[in-house]
Amino acid sequence: MVKHVVTGAHYGLRDWLAQRVTAVVMAIYLLLLAAVLLVSPPHDHTAWKALFSEQWLRIASFLFFVSLCWHAWIGMRNILMDYVHATGTRLTLQVLVILSLLFYAVWSVDILWS
């Protein structure tokens, strides 16, 4: 008798699509930021602060960071499910990844709106 062991949740298409969407969001943001910096490059801290005082740029930057965290989570979760076979170790690593990504997301909000 062959016993079939399922080690992952088989997210498949949803993960693939989320990876692509978050990558497109990040690419658009980077192109937008590059354009803004080419038009009026900030030369000192005051100019950088003035640039990021614009609400639309703060929101765009936050969307970039959320996309980055989501993209990283999907990638790390898939890597851990594929290569870490001990369930306890995999769960511990996944929790650490989630906590660190949440910390970075909260930190980005603090940076953008402080």
PDB file of N, CA and C in Angstrom:
ATOM      1  N   MET A   1       0.841  -1.172   0.000  1.00  0.00           N
ATOM      2  CA  MET A   1       0.000   0.000   0.000  1.00  0.00           C
ATOM      3  C   MET A   1       0.892   1.244   0.000  1.00  0.00           C
ATOM      4  N   VAL A   2       0.589   2.158  -0.875  1.00  0.00           N
ATOM      5  CA  VAL A   2       1.334   3.413  -0.968  1.00  0.00           C
ATOM      6  C   VAL A   2       0.586   4.472  -0.184  1.00  0.00           C
ATOM      7  N   LYS A   3       1.330   5.124   0.693  1.00  0.00           N
ATOM      8  CA  LYS A   3       0.742   6.173   1.508  1.00  0.00           C
ATOM      9  C   LYS A   3       1.155   7.515   0.911  1.00  0.00           C
ATOM     10  N   HIS A   4       0.199   8.344   0.530  1.00  0.00           N
ATOM     11  CA  HIS A   4       0.474   9.653  -0.067  1.00  0.00           C
ATOM     12  C   HIS A   4       0.518  10.699   1.045  1.00  0.00           C
ATOM     13  N   VAL A   5       1.651  11.351   1.203  1.00  0.00           N
ATOM     14  CA  VAL A   5       1.823  12.367   2.233  1.00  0.00           C
ATOM     15  C   VAL A   5       1.767  13.737   1.584  1.00  0.00           C
ATOM     16  N   VAL A   6       0.864  14.551   2.051  1.00  0.00           N
ATOM     17  CA  VAL A   6       0.737  15.915   1.546  1.00  0.00           C
ATOM     18  C   VAL A   6       1.503  16.821   2.490  1.00  0.00           C
ATOM     19  N   THR A   7       2.494  17.562   1.951  1.00  0.00           N
ATOM     20  CA  THR A   7       3.307  18.423   2.808  1.00  0.00           C
ATOM     21  C   THR A   7       2.979  19.887   2.651  1.00  0.00           C
ATOM     22  N   GLY A   8       2.236  20.251   1.636  1.00  0.00           N
ATOM     23  CA  GLY A   8       1.906  21.649   1.425  1.00  0.00           C
ATOM     24  C   GLY A   8       0.414  21.823   1.235  1.00  0.00           C
ATOM     25  N   ALA A   9       0.000  23.062   1.085  1.00  0.00           N
ATOM     26  CA  ALA A   9      -1.423  23.338   0.942  1.00  0.00           C
ATOM     27  C   ALA A   9      -1.824  23.470  -0.523  1.00  0.00           C
ATOM     28  N   HIS A  10      -0.882  23.390  -1.430  1.00  0.00           N
ATOM     29  CA  HIS A  10      -1.154  23.449  -2.866  1.00  0.00           C
ATOM     30  C   HIS A  10      -1.902  24.722  -3.252  1.00  0.00           C
ATOM     31  N   TYR A  11      -1.286  25.853  -3.018  1.00  0.00           N
ATOM     32  CA  TYR A  11      -1.917  27.136  -3.319  1.00  0.00           C
ATOM     33  C   TYR A  11      -1.919  27.420  -4.815  1.00  0.00           C
ATOM     34  N   GLY A  12      -0.906  26.963  -5.528  1.00  0.00           N
ATOM     35  CA  GLY A  12      -0.859  26.976  -6.976  1.00  0.00           C
ATOM     36  C   GLY A  12      -1.112  28.301  -7.651  1.00  0.00           C
ATOM     37  N   LEU A  13      -2.223  28.380  -8.374  1.00  0.00           N
ATOM     38  CA  LEU A  13      -2.531  29.531  -9.209  1.00  0.00           C
ATOM     39  C   LEU A  13      -2.631  30.819  -8.399  1.00  0.00           C
ATOM     40  N   ARG A  14      -3.231  30.727  -7.215  1.00  0.00           N
ATOM     41  CA  ARG A  14      -3.371  31.931  -6.382  1.00  0.00           C
ATOM     42  C   ARG A  14      -2.008  32.509  -6.020  1.00  0.00           C
ATOM     43  N   ASP A  15      -1.056  31.671  -5.631  1.00  0.00           N
ATOM     44  CA  ASP A  15       0.293  32.139  -5.319  1.00  0.00           C
ATOM     45  C   ASP A  15       0.987  32.695  -6.550  1.00  0.00           C
ATOM     46  N   TRP A  16       0.852  31.989  -7.663  1.00  0.00           N
ATOM     47  CA  TRP A  16       1.488  32.434  -8.899  1.00  0.00           C
ATOM     48  C   TRP A  16       0.974  33.816  -9.282  1.00  0.00           C
ATOM     49  N   LEU A  17      -0.343  34.002  -9.215  1.00  0.00           N
ATOM     50  CA  LEU A  17      -0.939  35.277  -9.565  1.00  0.00           C
ATOM     51  C   LEU A  17      -0.538  36.369  -8.572  1.00  0.00           C
ATOM     52  N   ALA A  18      -0.521  36.059  -7.292  1.00  0.00           N
ATOM     53  CA  ALA A  18      -0.127  37.042  -6.279  1.00  0.00           C
ATOM     54  C   ALA A  18       1.319  37.471  -6.473  1.00  0.00           C
ATOM     55  N   GLN A  19       2.199  36.533  -6.794  1.00  0.00           N
ATOM     56  CA  GLN A  19       3.604  36.870  -7.056  1.00  0.00           C
ATOM     57  C   GLN A  19       3.701  37.836  -8.228  1.00  0.00           C
ATOM     58  N   ARG A  20       2.939  37.580  -9.294  1.00  0.00           N
ATOM     59  CA  ARG A  20       2.999  38.442 -10.479  1.00  0.00           C
ATOM     60  C   ARG A  20       2.424  39.817 -10.206  1.00  0.00           C
ATOM     61  N   VAL A  21       1.290  39.858  -9.507  1.00  0.00           N
ATOM     62  CA  VAL A  21       0.647  41.143  -9.212  1.00  0.00           C
ATOM     63  C   VAL A  21       1.540  41.991  -8.306  1.00  0.00           C
ATOM     64  N   THR A  22       2.086  41.392  -7.266  1.00  0.00           N
ATOM     65  CA  THR A  22       2.957  42.168  -6.369  1.00  0.00           C
ATOM     66  C   THR A  22       4.221  42.618  -7.093  1.00  0.00           C
ATOM     67  N   ALA A  23       4.742  41.797  -7.990  1.00  0.00           N
ATOM     68  CA  ALA A  23       5.925  42.196  -8.759  1.00  0.00           C
ATOM     69  C   ALA A  23       5.601  43.379  -9.672  1.00  0.00           C
ATOM     70  N   VAL A  24       4.427  43.372 -10.278  1.00  0.00           N
ATOM     71  CA  VAL A  24       4.028  44.490 -11.146  1.00  0.00           C
ATOM     72  C   VAL A  24       3.842  45.760 -10.315  1.00  0.00           C
ATOM     73  N   VAL A  25       3.209  45.653  -9.152  1.00  0.00           N
ATOM     74  CA  VAL A  25       3.029  46.820  -8.281  1.00  0.00           C
ATOM     75  C   VAL A  25       4.390  47.397  -7.896  1.00  0.00           C
ATOM     76  N   MET A  26       5.335  46.534  -7.527  1.00  0.00           N
ATOM     77  CA  MET A  26       6.667  47.012  -7.139  1.00  0.00           C
ATOM     78  C   MET A  26       7.394  47.639  -8.321  1.00  0.00           C
ATOM     79  N   ALA A  27       7.267  47.058  -9.510  1.00  0.00           N
ATOM     80  CA  ALA A  27       7.927  47.601 -10.702  1.00  0.00           C
ATOM     81  C   ALA A  27       7.361  48.978 -11.058  1.00  0.00           C
ATOM     82  N   ILE A  28       6.037  49.112 -11.002  1.00  0.00           N
ATOM     83  CA  ILE A  28       5.419  50.414 -11.292  1.00  0.00           C
ATOM     84  C   ILE A  28       5.881  51.463 -10.295  1.00  0.00           C
ATOM     85  N   TYR A  29       5.925  51.100  -9.019  1.00  0.00           N
ATOM     86  CA  TYR A  29       6.391  52.041  -8.000  1.00  0.00           C
ATOM     87  C   TYR A  29       7.832  52.472  -8.266  1.00  0.00           C
ATOM     88  N   LEU A  30       8.690  51.519  -8.577  1.00  0.00           N
ATOM     89  CA  LEU A  30      10.095  51.863  -8.824  1.00  0.00           C
ATOM     90  C   LEU A  30      10.248  52.756 -10.050  1.00  0.00           C
ATOM     91  N   LEU A  31       9.470  52.503 -11.094  1.00  0.00           N
ATOM     92  CA  LEU A  31       9.501  53.376 -12.274  1.00  0.00           C
ATOM     93  C   LEU A  31       8.988  54.772 -11.932  1.00  0.00           C
ATOM     94  N   LEU A  32       7.914  54.838 -11.150  1.00  0.00           N
ATOM     95  CA  LEU A  32       7.363  56.116 -10.722  1.00  0.00           C
ATOM     96  C   LEU A  32       8.369  56.879  -9.864  1.00  0.00           C
ATOM     97  N   LEU A  33       8.994  56.192  -8.929  1.00  0.00           N
ATOM     98  CA  LEU A  33       9.984  56.843  -8.062  1.00  0.00           C
ATOM     99  C   LEU A  33      11.189  57.310  -8.872  1.00  0.00           C
ATOM    100  N   ALA A  34      11.624  56.502  -9.822  1.00  0.00           N
ATOM    101  CA  ALA A  34      12.750  56.902 -10.675  1.00  0.00           C
ATOM    102  C   ALA A  34      12.394  58.147 -11.476  1.00  0.00           C
ATOM    103  N   ALA A  35      11.175  58.209 -11.994  1.00  0.00           N
ATOM    104  CA  ALA A  35      10.749  59.385 -12.751  1.00  0.00           C
ATOM    105  C   ALA A  35      10.723  60.628 -11.868  1.00  0.00           C
ATOM    106  N   VAL A  36      10.183  60.489 -10.658  1.00  0.00           N
ATOM    107  CA  VAL A  36      10.129  61.619  -9.725  1.00  0.00           C
ATOM    108  C   VAL A  36      11.540  62.089  -9.386  1.00  0.00           C
ATOM    109  N   LEU A  37      12.442  61.150  -9.156  1.00  0.00           N
ATOM    110  CA  LEU A  37      13.816  61.516  -8.801  1.00  0.00           C
ATOM    111  C   LEU A  37      14.578  62.112  -9.984  1.00  0.00           C
ATOM    112  N   LEU A  38      14.245  61.712 -11.202  1.00  0.00           N
ATOM    113  CA  LEU A  38      14.883  62.307 -12.380  1.00  0.00           C
ATOM    114  C   LEU A  38      14.394  63.731 -12.628  1.00  0.00           C
ATOM    115  N   VAL A  39      13.114  63.979 -12.362  1.00  0.00           N
ATOM    116  CA  VAL A  39      12.550  65.315 -12.588  1.00  0.00           C
ATOM    117  C   VAL A  39      13.090  66.304 -11.572  1.00  0.00           C
ATOM    118  N   SER A  40      13.088  65.928 -10.314  1.00  0.00           N
ATOM    119  CA  SER A  40      13.592  66.836  -9.272  1.00  0.00           C
ATOM    120  C   SER A  40      14.342  66.041  -8.214  1.00  0.00           C
ATOM    121  N   PRO A  41      15.620  65.800  -8.441  1.00  0.00           N
ATOM    122  CA  PRO A  41      16.389  65.014  -7.468  1.00  0.00           C
ATOM    123  C   PRO A  41      16.629  65.805  -6.173  1.00  0.00           C
ATOM    124  N   PRO A  42      16.295  65.200  -5.042  1.00  0.00           N
ATOM    125  CA  PRO A  42      16.560  65.863  -3.763  1.00  0.00           C
ATOM    126  C   PRO A  42      18.062  65.812  -3.437  1.00  0.00           C
ATOM    127  N   HIS A  43      18.566  66.923  -2.914  1.00  0.00           N
ATOM    128  CA  HIS A  43      20.003  67.010  -2.648  1.00  0.00           C
ATOM    129  C   HIS A  43      20.359  67.002  -1.167  1.00  0.00           C
ATOM    130  N   ASP A  44      19.362  67.137  -0.317  1.00  0.00           N
ATOM    131  CA  ASP A  44      19.644  67.111   1.113  1.00  0.00           C
ATOM    132  C   ASP A  44      18.460  66.500   1.857  1.00  0.00           C
ATOM    133  N   HIS A  45      18.617  66.385   3.160  1.00  0.00           N
ATOM    134  CA  HIS A  45      17.589  65.747   3.984  1.00  0.00           C
ATOM    135  C   HIS A  45      16.265  66.500   3.903  1.00  0.00           C
ATOM    136  N   THR A  46      16.323  67.810   3.885  1.00  0.00           N
ATOM    137  CA  THR A  46      15.102  68.615   3.823  1.00  0.00           C
ATOM    138  C   THR A  46      14.332  68.342   2.533  1.00  0.00           C
ATOM    139  N   ALA A  47      15.054  68.212   1.429  1.00  0.00           N
ATOM    140  CA  ALA A  47      14.398  67.936   0.143  1.00  0.00           C
ATOM    141  C   ALA A  47      13.781  66.537   0.136  1.00  0.00           C
ATOM    142  N   TRP A  48      14.483  65.565   0.730  1.00  0.00           N
ATOM    143  CA  TRP A  48      13.921  64.207   0.826  1.00  0.00           C
ATOM    144  C   TRP A  48      12.662  64.227   1.680  1.00  0.00           C
ATOM    145  N   LYS A  49      12.712  64.954   2.787  1.00  0.00           N
ATOM    146  CA  LYS A  49      11.553  65.036   3.683  1.00  0.00           C
ATOM    147  C   LYS A  49      10.381  65.710   2.980  1.00  0.00           C
ATOM    148  N   ALA A  50      10.661  66.751   2.203  1.00  0.00           N
ATOM    149  CA  ALA A  50       9.606  67.433   1.455  1.00  0.00           C
ATOM    150  C   ALA A  50       9.009  66.503   0.391  1.00  0.00           C
ATOM    151  N   LEU A  51       9.865  65.727  -0.253  1.00  0.00           N
ATOM    152  CA  LEU A  51       9.395  64.797  -1.276  1.00  0.00           C
ATOM    153  C   LEU A  51       8.433  63.769  -0.676  1.00  0.00           C
ATOM    154  N   PHE A  52       8.791  63.203   0.459  1.00  0.00           N
ATOM    155  CA  PHE A  52       7.957  62.183   1.082  1.00  0.00           C
ATOM    156  C   PHE A  52       6.873  62.763   1.982  1.00  0.00           C
ATOM    157  N   SER A  53       6.744  64.089   2.010  1.00  0.00           N
ATOM    158  CA  SER A  53       5.610  64.678   2.726  1.00  0.00           C
ATOM    159  C   SER A  53       4.356  64.654   1.855  1.00  0.00           C
ATOM    160  N   GLU A  54       4.532  64.401   0.562  1.00  0.00           N
ATOM    161  CA  GLU A  54       3.383  64.258  -0.339  1.00  0.00           C
ATOM    162  C   GLU A  54       2.613  62.990   0.018  1.00  0.00           C
ATOM    163  N   GLN A  55       1.321  63.153   0.255  1.00  0.00           N
ATOM    164  CA  GLN A  55       0.507  62.005   0.688  1.00  0.00           C
ATOM    165  C   GLN A  55       0.472  60.889  -0.354  1.00  0.00           C
ATOM    166  N   TRP A  56       0.393  61.233  -1.637  1.00  0.00           N
ATOM    167  CA  TRP A  56       0.317  60.205  -2.677  1.00  0.00           C
ATOM    168  C   TRP A  56       1.583  59.353  -2.715  1.00  0.00           C
ATOM    169  N   LEU A  57       2.751  59.972  -2.440  1.00  0.00           N
ATOM    170  CA  LEU A  57       3.989  59.217  -2.442  1.00  0.00           C
ATOM    171  C   LEU A  57       4.092  58.330  -1.198  1.00  0.00           C
ATOM    172  N   ARG A  58       3.571  58.797  -0.095  1.00  0.00           N
ATOM    173  CA  ARG A  58       3.536  57.959   1.112  1.00  0.00           C
ATOM    174  C   ARG A  58       2.666  56.728   0.887  1.00  0.00           C
ATOM    175  N   ILE A  59       1.491  56.940   0.306  1.00  0.00           N
ATOM    176  CA  ILE A  59       0.586  55.820   0.051  1.00  0.00           C
ATOM    177  C   ILE A  59       1.200  54.857  -0.956  1.00  0.00           C
ATOM    178  N   ALA A  60       1.801  55.405  -2.017  1.00  0.00           N
ATOM    179  CA  ALA A  60       2.460  54.546  -3.015  1.00  0.00           C
ATOM    180  C   ALA A  60       3.604  53.764  -2.381  1.00  0.00           C
ATOM    181  N   SER A  61       4.367  54.403  -1.510  1.00  0.00           N
ATOM    182  CA  SER A  61       5.468  53.716  -0.829  1.00  0.00           C
ATOM    183  C   SER A  61       4.940  52.630   0.098  1.00  0.00           C
ATOM    184  N   PHE A  62       3.843  52.918   0.787  1.00  0.00           N
ATOM    185  CA  PHE A  62       3.252  51.906   1.662  1.00  0.00           C
ATOM    186  C   PHE A  62       2.748  50.714   0.851  1.00  0.00           C
ATOM    187  N   LEU A  63       2.104  50.980  -0.287  1.00  0.00           N
ATOM    188  CA  LEU A  63       1.661  49.885  -1.151  1.00  0.00           C
ATOM    189  C   LEU A  63       2.846  49.067  -1.649  1.00  0.00           C
ATOM    190  N   PHE A  64       3.957  49.745  -1.926  1.00  0.00           N
ATOM    191  CA  PHE A  64       5.173  49.038  -2.321  1.00  0.00           C
ATOM    192  C   PHE A  64       5.633  48.103  -1.200  1.00  0.00           C
ATOM    193  N   PHE A  65       5.683  48.602   0.026  1.00  0.00           N
ATOM    194  CA  PHE A  65       6.145  47.782   1.151  1.00  0.00           C
ATOM    195  C   PHE A  65       5.193  46.625   1.450  1.00  0.00           C
ATOM    196  N   VAL A  66       3.888  46.863   1.331  1.00  0.00           N
ATOM    197  CA  VAL A  66       2.923  45.774   1.533  1.00  0.00           C
ATOM    198  C   VAL A  66       3.114  44.712   0.452  1.00  0.00           C
ATOM    199  N   SER A  67       3.288  45.160  -0.794  1.00  0.00           N
ATOM    200  CA  SER A  67       3.524  44.216  -1.892  1.00  0.00           C
ATOM    201  C   SER A  67       4.819  43.451  -1.679  1.00  0.00           C
ATOM    202  N   LEU A  68       5.847  44.148  -1.220  1.00  0.00           N
ATOM    203  CA  LEU A  68       7.128  43.504  -0.950  1.00  0.00           C
ATOM    204  C   LEU A  68       6.998  42.440   0.134  1.00  0.00           C
ATOM    205  N   CYS A  69       6.277  42.763   1.207  1.00  0.00           N
ATOM    206  CA  CYS A  69       6.093  41.792   2.297  1.00  0.00           C
ATOM    207  C   CYS A  69       5.279  40.594   1.836  1.00  0.00           C
ATOM    208  N   TRP A  70       4.233  40.839   1.077  1.00  0.00           N
ATOM    209  CA  TRP A  70       3.398  39.738   0.583  1.00  0.00           C
ATOM    210  C   TRP A  70       4.186  38.858  -0.377  1.00  0.00           C
ATOM    211  N   HIS A  71       4.936  39.487  -1.274  1.00  0.00           N
ATOM    212  CA  HIS A  71       5.784  38.771  -2.227  1.00  0.00           C
ATOM    213  C   HIS A  71       6.816  37.915  -1.484  1.00  0.00           C
ATOM    214  N   ALA A  72       7.434  38.510  -0.481  1.00  0.00           N
ATOM    215  CA  ALA A  72       8.438  37.789   0.307  1.00  0.00           C
ATOM    216  C   ALA A  72       7.806  36.635   1.072  1.00  0.00           C
ATOM    217  N   TRP A  73       6.614  36.839   1.635  1.00  0.00           N
ATOM    218  CA  TRP A  73       5.959  35.779   2.383  1.00  0.00           C
ATOM    219  C   TRP A  73       5.666  34.572   1.494  1.00  0.00           C
ATOM    220  N   ILE A  74       5.117  34.821   0.318  1.00  0.00           N
ATOM    221  CA  ILE A  74       4.788  33.714  -0.582  1.00  0.00           C
ATOM    222  C   ILE A  74       6.055  32.953  -0.958  1.00  0.00           C
ATOM    223  N   GLY A  75       7.094  33.688  -1.302  1.00  0.00           N
ATOM    224  CA  GLY A  75       8.350  33.038  -1.675  1.00  0.00           C
ATOM    225  C   GLY A  75       8.961  32.252  -0.534  1.00  0.00           C
ATOM    226  N   MET A  76       9.017  32.849   0.648  1.00  0.00           N
ATOM    227  CA  MET A  76       9.616  32.160   1.800  1.00  0.00           C
ATOM    228  C   MET A  76       8.775  30.964   2.230  1.00  0.00           C
ATOM    229  N   ARG A  77       7.466  31.114   2.218  1.00  0.00           N
ATOM    230  CA  ARG A  77       6.608  29.992   2.587  1.00  0.00           C
ATOM    231  C   ARG A  77       6.803  28.819   1.636  1.00  0.00           C
ATOM    232  N   ASN A  78       6.877  29.110   0.343  1.00  0.00           N
ATOM    233  CA  ASN A  78       7.077  28.035  -0.628  1.00  0.00           C
ATOM    234  C   ASN A  78       8.444  27.382  -0.474  1.00  0.00           C
ATOM    235  N   ILE A  79       9.459  28.184  -0.221  1.00  0.00           N
ATOM    236  CA  ILE A  79      10.798  27.622  -0.008  1.00  0.00           C
ATOM    237  C   ILE A  79      10.806  26.733   1.232  1.00  0.00           C
ATOM    238  N   LEU A  80      10.212  27.220   2.317  1.00  0.00           N
ATOM    239  CA  LEU A  80      10.188  26.432   3.552  1.00  0.00           C
ATOM    240  C   LEU A  80       9.373  25.152   3.385  1.00  0.00           C
ATOM    241  N   MET A  81       8.254  25.216   2.667  1.00  0.00           N
ATOM    242  CA  MET A  81       7.450  24.007   2.465  1.00  0.00           C
ATOM    243  C   MET A  81       8.187  22.998   1.589  1.00  0.00           C
ATOM    244  N   ASP A  82       8.981  23.487   0.644  1.00  0.00           N
ATOM    245  CA  ASP A  82       9.695  22.579  -0.257  1.00  0.00           C
ATOM    246  C   ASP A  82      10.938  21.960   0.379  1.00  0.00           C
ATOM    247  N   TYR A  83      11.656  22.720   1.208  1.00  0.00           N
ATOM    248  CA  TYR A  83      12.973  22.275   1.638  1.00  0.00           C
ATOM    249  C   TYR A  83      13.130  21.970   3.115  1.00  0.00           C
ATOM    250  N   VAL A  84      12.186  22.383   3.950  1.00  0.00           N
ATOM    251  CA  VAL A  84      12.262  22.074   5.379  1.00  0.00           C
ATOM    252  C   VAL A  84      11.168  21.054   5.668  1.00  0.00           C
ATOM    253  N   HIS A  85      11.567  19.812   5.867  1.00  0.00           N
ATOM    254  CA  HIS A  85      10.599  18.721   5.987  1.00  0.00           C
ATOM    255  C   HIS A  85      10.143  18.464   7.416  1.00  0.00           C
ATOM    256  N   ALA A  86      10.914  18.868   8.395  1.00  0.00           N
ATOM    257  CA  ALA A  86      10.500  18.698   9.794  1.00  0.00           C
ATOM    258  C   ALA A  86       9.415  19.728  10.108  1.00  0.00           C
ATOM    259  N   THR A  87       8.245  19.258  10.465  1.00  0.00           N
ATOM    260  CA  THR A  87       7.089  20.133  10.635  1.00  0.00           C
ATOM    261  C   THR A  87       7.318  21.206  11.697  1.00  0.00           C
ATOM    262  N   GLY A  88       7.875  20.832  12.819  1.00  0.00           N
ATOM    263  CA  GLY A  88       8.114  21.801  13.896  1.00  0.00           C
ATOM    264  C   GLY A  88       9.081  22.889  13.487  1.00  0.00           C
ATOM    265  N   THR A  89      10.143  22.500  12.822  1.00  0.00           N
ATOM    266  CA  THR A  89      11.138  23.480  12.360  1.00  0.00           C
ATOM    267  C   THR A  89      10.523  24.402  11.318  1.00  0.00           C
ATOM    268  N   ARG A  90       9.763  23.817  10.382  1.00  0.00           N
ATOM    269  CA  ARG A  90       9.133  24.617   9.328  1.00  0.00           C
ATOM    270  C   ARG A  90       8.146  25.614   9.930  1.00  0.00           C
ATOM    271  N   LEU A  91       7.336  25.167  10.883  1.00  0.00           N
ATOM    272  CA  LEU A  91       6.371  26.051  11.522  1.00  0.00           C
ATOM    273  C   LEU A  91       7.070  27.182  12.276  1.00  0.00           C
ATOM    274  N   THR A  92       8.134  26.841  12.984  1.00  0.00           N
ATOM    275  CA  THR A  92       8.892  27.858  13.712  1.00  0.00           C
ATOM    276  C   THR A  92       9.463  28.898  12.760  1.00  0.00           C
ATOM    277  N   LEU A  93      10.053  28.444  11.660  1.00  0.00           N
ATOM    278  CA  LEU A  93      10.617  29.368  10.681  1.00  0.00           C
ATOM    279  C   LEU A  93       9.539  30.221  10.020  1.00  0.00           C
ATOM    280  N   GLN A  94       8.387  29.623   9.750  1.00  0.00           N
ATOM    281  CA  GLN A  94       7.299  30.391   9.150  1.00  0.00           C
ATOM    282  C   GLN A  94       6.794  31.467  10.101  1.00  0.00           C
ATOM    283  N   VAL A  95       6.681  31.137  11.367  1.00  0.00           N
ATOM    284  CA  VAL A  95       6.257  32.131  12.360  1.00  0.00           C
ATOM    285  C   VAL A  95       7.286  33.256  12.457  1.00  0.00           C
ATOM    286  N   LEU A  96       8.567  32.917  12.437  1.00  0.00           N
ATOM    287  CA  LEU A  96       9.608  33.945  12.480  1.00  0.00           C
ATOM    288  C   LEU A  96       9.562  34.847  11.247  1.00  0.00           C
ATOM    289  N   VAL A  97       9.317  34.266  10.098  1.00  0.00           N
ATOM    290  CA  VAL A  97       9.198  35.066   8.873  1.00  0.00           C
ATOM    291  C   VAL A  97       7.991  35.993   8.977  1.00  0.00           C
ATOM    292  N   ILE A  98       6.855  35.469   9.418  1.00  0.00           N
ATOM    293  CA  ILE A  98       5.656  36.302   9.560  1.00  0.00           C
ATOM    294  C   ILE A  98       5.904  37.450  10.530  1.00  0.00           C
ATOM    295  N   LEU A  99       6.488  37.155  11.674  1.00  0.00           N
ATOM    296  CA  LEU A  99       6.755  38.200  12.670  1.00  0.00           C
ATOM    297  C   LEU A  99       7.707  39.256  12.134  1.00  0.00           C
ATOM    298  N   SER A 100       8.746  38.831  11.428  1.00  0.00           N
ATOM    299  CA  SER A 100       9.686  39.812  10.890  1.00  0.00           C
ATOM    300  C   SER A 100       9.031  40.664   9.804  1.00  0.00           C
ATOM    301  N   LEU A 101       8.213  40.065   8.945  1.00  0.00           N
ATOM    302  CA  LEU A 101       7.544  40.843   7.900  1.00  0.00           C
ATOM    303  C   LEU A 101       6.527  41.814   8.499  1.00  0.00           C
ATOM    304  N   LEU A 102       5.816  41.392   9.535  1.00  0.00           N
ATOM    305  CA  LEU A 102       4.908  42.312  10.224  1.00  0.00           C
ATOM    306  C   LEU A 102       5.676  43.455  10.876  1.00  0.00           C
ATOM    307  N   PHE A 103       6.812  43.131  11.481  1.00  0.00           N
ATOM    308  CA  PHE A 103       7.649  44.172  12.078  1.00  0.00           C
ATOM    309  C   PHE A 103       8.089  45.182  11.021  1.00  0.00           C
ATOM    310  N   TYR A 104       8.533  44.693   9.862  1.00  0.00           N
ATOM    311  CA  TYR A 104       8.978  45.593   8.795  1.00  0.00           C
ATOM    312  C   TYR A 104       7.830  46.432   8.244  1.00  0.00           C
ATOM    313  N   ALA A 105       6.635  45.862   8.151  1.00  0.00           N
ATOM    314  CA  ALA A 105       5.477  46.617   7.665  1.00  0.00           C
ATOM    315  C   ALA A 105       5.116  47.738   8.640  1.00  0.00           C
ATOM    316  N   VAL A 106       5.105  47.417   9.921  1.00  0.00           N
ATOM    317  CA  VAL A 106       4.805  48.443  10.932  1.00  0.00           C
ATOM    318  C   VAL A 106       5.903  49.505  10.942  1.00  0.00           C
ATOM    319  N   TRP A 107       7.134  49.085  10.806  1.00  0.00           N
ATOM    320  CA  TRP A 107       8.252  50.018  10.782  1.00  0.00           C
ATOM    321  C   TRP A 107       8.143  50.946   9.580  1.00  0.00           C
ATOM    322  N   SER A 108       7.725  50.427   8.435  1.00  0.00           N
ATOM    323  CA  SER A 108       7.574  51.278   7.253  1.00  0.00           C
ATOM    324  C   SER A 108       6.488  52.332   7.466  1.00  0.00           C
ATOM    325  N   VAL A 109       5.404  51.950   8.143  1.00  0.00           N
ATOM    326  CA  VAL A 109       4.365  52.934   8.465  1.00  0.00           C
ATOM    327  C   VAL A 109       4.934  54.000   9.386  1.00  0.00           C
ATOM    328  N   ASP A 110       5.696  53.582  10.375  1.00  0.00           N
ATOM    329  CA  ASP A 110       6.310  54.550  11.305  1.00  0.00           C
ATOM    330  C   ASP A 110       7.246  55.496  10.566  1.00  0.00           C
ATOM    331  N   ILE A 111       8.022  54.978   9.641  1.00  0.00           N
ATOM    332  CA  ILE A 111       8.958  55.821   8.883  1.00  0.00           C
ATOM    333  C   ILE A 111       8.195  56.785   7.983  1.00  0.00           C
ATOM    334  N   LEU A 112       7.196  56.276   7.274  1.00  0.00           N
ATOM    335  CA  LEU A 112       6.488  57.117   6.298  1.00  0.00           C
ATOM    336  C   LEU A 112       5.614  58.189   6.948  1.00  0.00           C
ATOM    337  N   TRP A 113       5.024  57.883   8.088  1.00  0.00           N
ATOM    338  CA  TRP A 113       4.107  58.834   8.700  1.00  0.00           C
ATOM    339  C   TRP A 113       4.609  59.432  10.015  1.00  0.00           C
ATOM    340  N   SER A 114       5.917  59.426  10.222  1.00  0.00           N
ATOM    341  CA  SER A 114       6.428  60.060  11.458  1.00  0.00           C
ATOM    342  C   SER A 114       6.967  61.432  11.163  1.00  0.00           C
TER     343      SER A 114
END
